[in-house]
C-alpha cells in the first residue's frame, strides 16, 4: 500500500460522513463508507470533501470537509489496480478481499447489533436470518460477522477538529477546538486559538513527526 492515498468524495458521502458519531457503531459505519468510496471512486468534479489514507507507522484515514476534519484508524490494506484503475481493499488478518457485496453484508449486520438489548447468540441468529435469502453462504456470514465483532472491539482512535460558530461559548465551547473520543460520556475538548490547517491536523497525529505540545 502506498504511504498516502488521496481520494475525493461527492455530496452523497458528504451527507453520510457529516452525521454525528456517538457510538462505536457510527465510527465503524464511517470506515465501511470509506471502503465504498475506495471501491466505487468519485470524480474530482463531484468533490465535496477529501479522504487521505496514511500508512507508515500509523494506519489512519483522515476526512476533510468544510469546517470539519476527523480521523480514525483504518484497519484494512489498500492496493491500486493499475489495469482496472480502481482500488482493492483487503483484511490482512482474515486474508480476505473486501468487495461491495461484503460491505453491504457488513453494514446490514452492523445495523442489527445491539449489545444492550440482545445476547450474542440472539445477535448471531438474527444476522443469519436477515441475510439467508440473499444468496450469502455460511462462509460469507461467518467471515463478515467475525470481522464486525473485531472492528467493534478495536481501539479506533477517533478525533475531530471543529470550527463551530453556531455553538461558540467562550472557553466552554471554543470556536476552534478538537473533540477527542466519540461517546457523550467519554468525549472532551481541547480549545485552539486559531484555525487548524489540514496539513497540521495530519501532522498532529503522525507518529513519525515531532510531537506537539499543549500550551
C-alpha atoms as a PDB file:
ATOM      1  CA  UNK A   1       0.000   0.000   0.000  1.00  0.00           C
ATOM      2  CA  UNK A   2       1.270   3.499  -0.827  1.00  0.00           C
ATOM      3  CA  UNK A   3       2.092   5.596   2.224  1.00  0.00           C
ATOM      4  CA  UNK A   4      -0.547   8.192   1.244  1.00  0.00           C
ATOM      5  CA  UNK A   5      -3.734   7.751  -0.791  1.00  0.00           C
ATOM      6  CA  UNK A   6      -5.887  10.783  -1.611  1.00  0.00           C
ATOM      7  CA  UNK A   7      -9.402  10.324  -2.956  1.00  0.00           C
ATOM      8  CA  UNK A   8     -12.256  12.863  -3.270  1.00  0.00           C
ATOM      9  CA  UNK A   9     -15.873  12.105  -2.418  1.00  0.00           C
ATOM     10  CA  UNK A  10     -19.161  13.655  -3.533  1.00  0.00           C
ATOM     11  CA  UNK A  11     -22.328  15.034  -1.984  1.00  0.00           C
ATOM     12  CA  UNK A  12     -23.801  11.634  -1.061  1.00  0.00           C
ATOM     13  CA  UNK A  13     -20.807  10.695   1.071  1.00  0.00           C
ATOM     14  CA  UNK A  14     -20.551  14.213   2.466  1.00  0.00           C
ATOM     15  CA  UNK A  15     -24.047  13.719   3.903  1.00  0.00           C
ATOM     16  CA  UNK A  16     -23.096  10.296   5.262  1.00  0.00           C
ATOM     17  CA  UNK A  17     -19.815  11.459   6.786  1.00  0.00           C
ATOM     18  CA  UNK A  18     -21.418  14.567   8.336  1.00  0.00           C
ATOM     19  CA  UNK A  19     -23.679  12.515  10.593  1.00  0.00           C
ATOM     20  CA  UNK A  20     -22.802  12.714  14.315  1.00  0.00           C
ATOM     21  CA  UNK A  21     -20.705   9.892  15.733  1.00  0.00           C
ATOM     22  CA  UNK A  22     -21.865   8.965  19.211  1.00  0.00           C
ATOM     23  CA  UNK A  23     -21.284   5.179  19.269  1.00  0.00           C
ATOM     24  CA  UNK A  24     -18.574   2.841  18.074  1.00  0.00           C
ATOM     25  CA  UNK A  25     -21.078   1.517  15.505  1.00  0.00           C
ATOM     26  CA  UNK A  26     -21.123   5.015  13.961  1.00  0.00           C
ATOM     27  CA  UNK A  27     -17.333   5.022  13.590  1.00  0.00           C
ATOM     28  CA  UNK A  28     -17.329   1.524  12.068  1.00  0.00           C
ATOM     29  CA  UNK A  29     -20.081   2.650   9.681  1.00  0.00           C
ATOM     30  CA  UNK A  30     -17.817   5.517   8.567  1.00  0.00           C
ATOM     31  CA  UNK A  31     -14.951   3.070   7.959  1.00  0.00           C
ATOM     32  CA  UNK A  32     -17.243   0.950   5.769  1.00  0.00           C
ATOM     33  CA  UNK A  33     -18.238   4.127   3.923  1.00  0.00           C
ATOM     34  CA  UNK A  34     -14.560   4.802   3.234  1.00  0.00           C
ATOM     35  CA  UNK A  35     -14.241   1.293   1.789  1.00  0.00           C
ATOM     36  CA  UNK A  36     -17.192   2.058  -0.506  1.00  0.00           C
ATOM     37  CA  UNK A  37     -15.542   5.270  -1.707  1.00  0.00           C
ATOM     38  CA  UNK A  38     -12.361   3.335  -2.492  1.00  0.00           C
ATOM     39  CA  UNK A  39     -14.264   0.625  -4.359  1.00  0.00           C
ATOM     40  CA  UNK A  40     -16.598   2.947  -6.284  1.00  0.00           C
ATOM     41  CA  UNK A  41     -14.472   6.069  -6.581  1.00  0.00           C
ATOM     42  CA  UNK A  42     -15.546   9.678  -7.048  1.00  0.00           C
ATOM     43  CA  UNK A  43     -14.654  12.233  -9.711  1.00  0.00           C
ATOM     44  CA  UNK A  44     -12.808  15.437  -8.900  1.00  0.00           C
ATOM     45  CA  UNK A  45     -15.673  17.468 -10.430  1.00  0.00           C
ATOM     46  CA  UNK A  46     -18.095  15.970  -7.885  1.00  0.00           C
ATOM     47  CA  UNK A  47     -15.809  16.623  -4.945  1.00  0.00           C
ATOM     48  CA  UNK A  48     -17.367  17.772  -1.647  1.00  0.00           C
ATOM     49  CA  UNK A  49     -14.553  16.531   0.555  1.00  0.00           C
ATOM     50  CA  UNK A  50     -11.288  14.616   0.583  1.00  0.00           C
ATOM     51  CA  UNK A  51     -10.154  11.381   2.192  1.00  0.00           C
ATOM     52  CA  UNK A  52      -6.497  10.806   2.972  1.00  0.00           C
ATOM     53  CA  UNK A  53      -5.310   7.324   3.894  1.00  0.00           C
ATOM     54  CA  UNK A  54      -1.969   7.465   5.668  1.00  0.00           C
ATOM     55  CA  UNK A  55       0.031   4.363   6.354  1.00  0.00           C
ATOM     56  CA  UNK A  56       3.542   4.373   7.773  1.00  0.00           C
ATOM     57  CA  UNK A  57       3.922   3.526  11.436  1.00  0.00           C
ATOM     58  CA  UNK A  58       0.271   4.528  11.817  1.00  0.00           C
ATOM     59  CA  UNK A  59      -2.678   3.399   9.714  1.00  0.00           C
ATOM     60  CA  UNK A  60      -5.306   6.157   9.648  1.00  0.00           C
ATOM     61  CA  UNK A  61      -7.947   7.693   7.423  1.00  0.00           C
ATOM     62  CA  UNK A  62      -8.444  11.477   7.512  1.00  0.00           C
ATOM     63  CA  UNK A  63     -11.711  13.027   6.346  1.00  0.00           C
ATOM     64  CA  UNK A  64     -11.688  16.724   5.397  1.00  0.00           C
ATOM     65  CA  UNK A  65     -14.867  18.742   4.846  1.00  0.00           C
ATOM     66  CA  UNK A  66     -15.636  22.447   5.159  1.00  0.00           C
ATOM     67  CA  UNK A  67     -15.081  23.440   8.809  1.00  0.00           C
ATOM     68  CA  UNK A  68     -14.714  19.843   9.988  1.00  0.00           C
ATOM     69  CA  UNK A  69     -11.866  17.339   9.964  1.00  0.00           C
ATOM     70  CA  UNK A  70     -11.780  13.980  11.663  1.00  0.00           C
ATOM     71  CA  UNK A  71      -9.697  10.848  11.719  1.00  0.00           C
ATOM     72  CA  UNK A  72      -9.872   7.254  12.838  1.00  0.00           C
ATOM     73  CA  UNK A  73      -7.909   4.061  12.452  1.00  0.00           C
ATOM     74  CA  UNK A  74      -8.271   2.406   9.037  1.00  0.00           C
ATOM     75  CA  UNK A  75      -7.736  -1.316   9.656  1.00  0.00           C
ATOM     76  CA  UNK A  76      -7.522  -2.539   6.052  1.00  0.00           C
ATOM     77  CA  UNK A  77      -4.846  -2.744   3.368  1.00  0.00           C
ATOM     78  CA  UNK A  78      -5.392  -0.962   0.044  1.00  0.00           C
ATOM     79  CA  UNK A  79      -3.816  -1.562  -3.348  1.00  0.00           C
ATOM     80  CA  UNK A  80      -4.315   0.306  -6.593  1.00  0.00           C
ATOM     81  CA  UNK A  81      -5.074  -1.808  -9.654  1.00  0.00           C
ATOM     82  CA  UNK A  82      -3.162  -0.081 -12.469  1.00  0.00           C
ATOM     83  CA  UNK A  83      -5.063  -2.009 -15.135  1.00  0.00           C
ATOM     84  CA  UNK A  84      -8.580  -1.533 -13.796  1.00  0.00           C
ATOM     85  CA  UNK A  85      -7.920   1.961 -12.389  1.00  0.00           C
ATOM     86  CA  UNK A  86      -9.608   1.155  -9.080  1.00  0.00           C
ATOM     87  CA  UNK A  87      -8.649   0.261  -5.507  1.00  0.00           C
ATOM     88  CA  UNK A  88      -8.667  -3.199  -3.969  1.00  0.00           C
ATOM     89  CA  UNK A  89      -9.288  -3.497  -0.226  1.00  0.00           C
ATOM     90  CA  UNK A  90      -8.064  -6.394   1.916  1.00  0.00           C
ATOM     91  CA  UNK A  91      -8.318  -7.506   5.509  1.00  0.00           C
ATOM     92  CA  UNK A  92      -4.859  -8.913   6.162  1.00  0.00           C
ATOM     93  CA  UNK A  93      -5.817 -10.656   9.407  1.00  0.00           C
ATOM     94  CA  UNK A  94      -8.538 -12.838   7.873  1.00  0.00           C
ATOM     95  CA  UNK A  95      -6.784 -12.763   4.471  1.00  0.00           C
ATOM     96  CA  UNK A  96      -9.896 -11.766   2.520  1.00  0.00           C
ATOM     97  CA  UNK A  97     -10.611  -9.229  -0.180  1.00  0.00           C
ATOM     98  CA  UNK A  98     -13.495  -6.892   0.678  1.00  0.00           C
ATOM     99  CA  UNK A  99     -15.898  -6.087  -2.174  1.00  0.00           C
ATOM    100  CA  UNK A 100     -19.178  -4.183  -2.483  1.00  0.00           C
ATOM    101  CA  UNK A 101     -21.215  -7.275  -1.660  1.00  0.00           C
ATOM    102  CA  UNK A 102     -19.335  -7.970   1.555  1.00  0.00           C
ATOM    103  CA  UNK A 103     -19.589  -4.289   2.556  1.00  0.00           C
ATOM    104  CA  UNK A 104     -23.386  -4.456   2.084  1.00  0.00           C
ATOM    105  CA  UNK A 105     -23.497  -7.526   4.355  1.00  0.00           C
ATOM    106  CA  UNK A 106     -21.257  -5.864   6.947  1.00  0.00           C
ATOM    107  CA  UNK A 107     -23.490  -2.774   7.000  1.00  0.00           C
ATOM    108  CA  UNK A 108     -26.633  -4.862   7.483  1.00  0.00           C
ATOM    109  CA  UNK A 109     -25.051  -6.798  10.327  1.00  0.00           C
ATOM    110  CA  UNK A 110     -23.865  -3.580  11.949  1.00  0.00           C
ATOM    111  CA  UNK A 111     -27.435  -2.222  11.932  1.00  0.00           C
ATOM    112  CA  UNK A 112     -28.670  -5.346  13.734  1.00  0.00           C
ATOM    113  CA  UNK A 113     -26.106  -5.394  16.511  1.00  0.00           C
ATOM    114  CA  UNK A 114     -27.367  -4.165  19.868  1.00  0.00           C
ATOM    115  CA  UNK A 115     -25.312  -5.467  22.771  1.00  0.00           C
ATOM    116  CA  UNK A 116     -27.525  -3.728  25.338  1.00  0.00           C
ATOM    117  CA  UNK A 117     -30.769  -5.383  24.212  1.00  0.00           C
ATOM    118  CA  UNK A 118     -29.636  -8.770  22.836  1.00  0.00           C
ATOM    119  CA  UNK A 119     -27.333 -11.617  23.800  1.00  0.00           C
ATOM    120  CA  UNK A 120     -24.517 -12.610  21.468  1.00  0.00           C
ATOM    121  CA  UNK A 121     -26.462 -15.757  20.471  1.00  0.00           C
ATOM    122  CA  UNK A 122     -29.524 -13.668  19.583  1.00  0.00           C
ATOM    123  CA  UNK A 123     -27.388 -11.266  17.531  1.00  0.00           C
ATOM    124  CA  UNK A 124     -25.824 -14.158  15.583  1.00  0.00           C
ATOM    125  CA  UNK A 125     -29.204 -15.781  14.953  1.00  0.00           C
ATOM    126  CA  UNK A 126     -30.750 -12.526  13.730  1.00  0.00           C
ATOM    127  CA  UNK A 127     -27.761 -11.853  11.481  1.00  0.00           C
ATOM    128  CA  UNK A 128     -28.180 -15.222   9.810  1.00  0.00           C
ATOM    129  CA  UNK A 129     -31.953 -14.952   9.432  1.00  0.00           C
ATOM    130  CA  UNK A 130     -31.715 -11.462   7.953  1.00  0.00           C
ATOM    131  CA  UNK A 131     -29.469 -12.424   5.034  1.00  0.00           C
ATOM    132  CA  UNK A 132     -30.065 -16.133   4.423  1.00  0.00           C
ATOM    133  CA  UNK A 133     -32.374 -15.455   1.469  1.00  0.00           C
ATOM    134  CA  UNK A 134     -29.931 -13.099  -0.268  1.00  0.00           C
ATOM    135  CA  UNK A 135     -27.558 -15.731  -1.541  1.00  0.00           C
ATOM    136  CA  UNK A 136     -24.849 -15.301   1.087  1.00  0.00           C
ATOM    137  CA  UNK A 137     -23.131 -18.526   2.077  1.00  0.00           C
ATOM    138  CA  UNK A 138     -22.488 -19.601   5.669  1.00  0.00           C
ATOM    139  CA  UNK A 139     -18.818 -18.836   4.997  1.00  0.00           C
ATOM    140  CA  UNK A 140     -19.690 -15.265   3.912  1.00  0.00           C
ATOM    141  CA  UNK A 141     -21.782 -14.725   7.024  1.00  0.00           C
ATOM    142  CA  UNK A 142     -19.215 -16.207   9.421  1.00  0.00           C
ATOM    143  CA  UNK A 143     -16.430 -14.168   7.834  1.00  0.00           C
ATOM    144  CA  UNK A 144     -18.325 -10.868   7.953  1.00  0.00           C
ATOM    145  CA  UNK A 145     -19.720 -11.405  11.427  1.00  0.00           C
ATOM    146  CA  UNK A 146     -16.243 -12.146  12.772  1.00  0.00           C
ATOM    147  CA  UNK A 147     -14.921  -9.020  11.058  1.00  0.00           C
ATOM    148  CA  UNK A 148     -17.682  -6.817  12.516  1.00  0.00           C
ATOM    149  CA  UNK A 149     -17.014  -8.112  16.023  1.00  0.00           C
ATOM    150  CA  UNK A 150     -13.302  -7.421  15.587  1.00  0.00           C
ATOM    151  CA  UNK A 151     -13.945  -3.872  14.361  1.00  0.00           C
ATOM    152  CA  UNK A 152     -16.229  -3.236  17.326  1.00  0.00           C
ATOM    153  CA  UNK A 153     -13.569  -4.470  19.755  1.00  0.00           C
ATOM    154  CA  UNK A 154     -10.740  -2.351  18.292  1.00  0.00           C
ATOM    155  CA  UNK A 155      -9.338   0.916  19.569  1.00  0.00           C
ATOM    156  CA  UNK A 156     -10.424   3.192  16.711  1.00  0.00           C
ATOM    157  CA  UNK A 157      -8.657   6.377  17.835  1.00  0.00           C
ATOM    158  CA  UNK A 158     -11.442   8.816  16.851  1.00  0.00           C
ATOM    159  CA  UNK A 159     -10.572  12.526  16.945  1.00  0.00           C
ATOM    160  CA  UNK A 160     -12.304  15.525  15.325  1.00  0.00           C
ATOM    161  CA  UNK A 161     -11.429  19.164  14.660  1.00  0.00           C
ATOM    162  CA  UNK A 162     -14.367  21.582  14.544  1.00  0.00           C
ATOM    163  CA  UNK A 163     -14.950  25.174  13.547  1.00  0.00           C
ATOM    164  CA  UNK A 164     -18.281  25.783  15.306  1.00  0.00           C
ATOM    165  CA  UNK A 165     -19.546  29.406  15.225  1.00  0.00           C
ATOM    166  CA  UNK A 166     -23.176  28.372  15.951  1.00  0.00           C
ATOM    167  CA  UNK A 167     -22.373  26.913  19.377  1.00  0.00           C
ATOM    168  CA  UNK A 168     -19.367  29.022  20.287  1.00  0.00           C
ATOM    169  CA  UNK A 169     -19.460  29.829  24.005  1.00  0.00           C
ATOM    170  CA  UNK A 170     -16.209  31.361  25.197  1.00  0.00           C
ATOM    171  CA  UNK A 171     -13.806  28.926  26.831  1.00  0.00           C
ATOM    172  CA  UNK A 172     -16.603  26.409  27.485  1.00  0.00           C
ATOM    173  CA  UNK A 173     -17.100  25.744  23.758  1.00  0.00           C
ATOM    174  CA  UNK A 174     -14.307  27.475  21.802  1.00  0.00           C
ATOM    175  CA  UNK A 175     -14.794  28.478  18.182  1.00  0.00           C
ATOM    176  CA  UNK A 176     -11.857  26.266  17.175  1.00  0.00           C
ATOM    177  CA  UNK A 177     -11.467  23.039  19.091  1.00  0.00           C
ATOM    178  CA  UNK A 178     -10.580  19.354  18.941  1.00  0.00           C
ATOM    179  CA  UNK A 179     -13.015  16.709  20.211  1.00  0.00           C
ATOM    180  CA  UNK A 180     -11.358  13.523  21.445  1.00  0.00           C
ATOM    181  CA  UNK A 181     -13.393  10.283  21.675  1.00  0.00           C
ATOM    182  CA  UNK A 182     -16.911   9.896  20.314  1.00  0.00           C
ATOM    183  CA  UNK A 183     -19.301   8.990  23.157  1.00  0.00           C
ATOM    184  CA  UNK A 184     -21.055  11.672  25.191  1.00  0.00           C
ATOM    185  CA  UNK A 185     -19.713  10.148  28.415  1.00  0.00           C
ATOM    186  CA  UNK A 186     -16.121   9.920  27.229  1.00  0.00           C
ATOM    187  CA  UNK A 187     -15.505  12.899  24.938  1.00  0.00           C
ATOM    188  CA  UNK A 188     -13.614  16.065  25.862  1.00  0.00           C
ATOM    189  CA  UNK A 189     -12.447  19.209  24.073  1.00  0.00           C
ATOM    190  CA  UNK A 190      -9.139  20.979  23.616  1.00  0.00           C
ATOM    191  CA  UNK A 191      -9.591  24.620  22.642  1.00  0.00           C
ATOM    192  CA  UNK A 192      -7.444  26.312  19.997  1.00  0.00           C
ATOM    193  CA  UNK A 193      -6.610  29.953  19.360  1.00  0.00           C
ATOM    194  CA  UNK A 194      -6.743  29.770  15.567  1.00  0.00           C
ATOM    195  CA  UNK A 195      -7.860  27.671  12.644  1.00  0.00           C
ATOM    196  CA  UNK A 196      -6.052  24.390  12.129  1.00  0.00           C
ATOM    197  CA  UNK A 197      -4.982  23.654   8.563  1.00  0.00           C
ATOM    198  CA  UNK A 198      -5.422  20.181   7.094  1.00  0.00           C
ATOM    199  CA  UNK A 199      -1.667  19.572   6.994  1.00  0.00           C
ATOM    200  CA  UNK A 200      -1.416  20.495  10.687  1.00  0.00           C
ATOM    201  CA  UNK A 201      -4.168  18.031  11.589  1.00  0.00           C
ATOM    202  CA  UNK A 202      -2.366  15.210   9.794  1.00  0.00           C
ATOM    203  CA  UNK A 203       0.982  16.215  11.309  1.00  0.00           C
ATOM    204  CA  UNK A 204      -0.513  16.284  14.822  1.00  0.00           C
ATOM    205  CA  UNK A 205      -1.424  12.593  14.534  1.00  0.00           C
ATOM    206  CA  UNK A 206       1.582  11.424  12.529  1.00  0.00           C
ATOM    207  CA  UNK A 207       3.754   9.300  14.809  1.00  0.00           C
ATOM    208  CA  UNK A 208       6.785   9.896  12.558  1.00  0.00           C
ATOM    209  CA  UNK A 209       6.825  13.683  13.036  1.00  0.00           C
ATOM    210  CA  UNK A 210       7.726  15.757  16.097  1.00  0.00           C
ATOM    211  CA  UNK A 211       5.210  15.718  18.941  1.00  0.00           C
ATOM    212  CA  UNK A 212       3.043  18.795  19.507  1.00  0.00           C
ATOM    213  CA  UNK A 213       2.716  20.438  22.939  1.00  0.00           C
ATOM    214  CA  UNK A 214      -0.367  21.695  24.777  1.00  0.00           C
ATOM    215  CA  UNK A 215       0.465  25.217  25.964  1.00  0.00           C
END
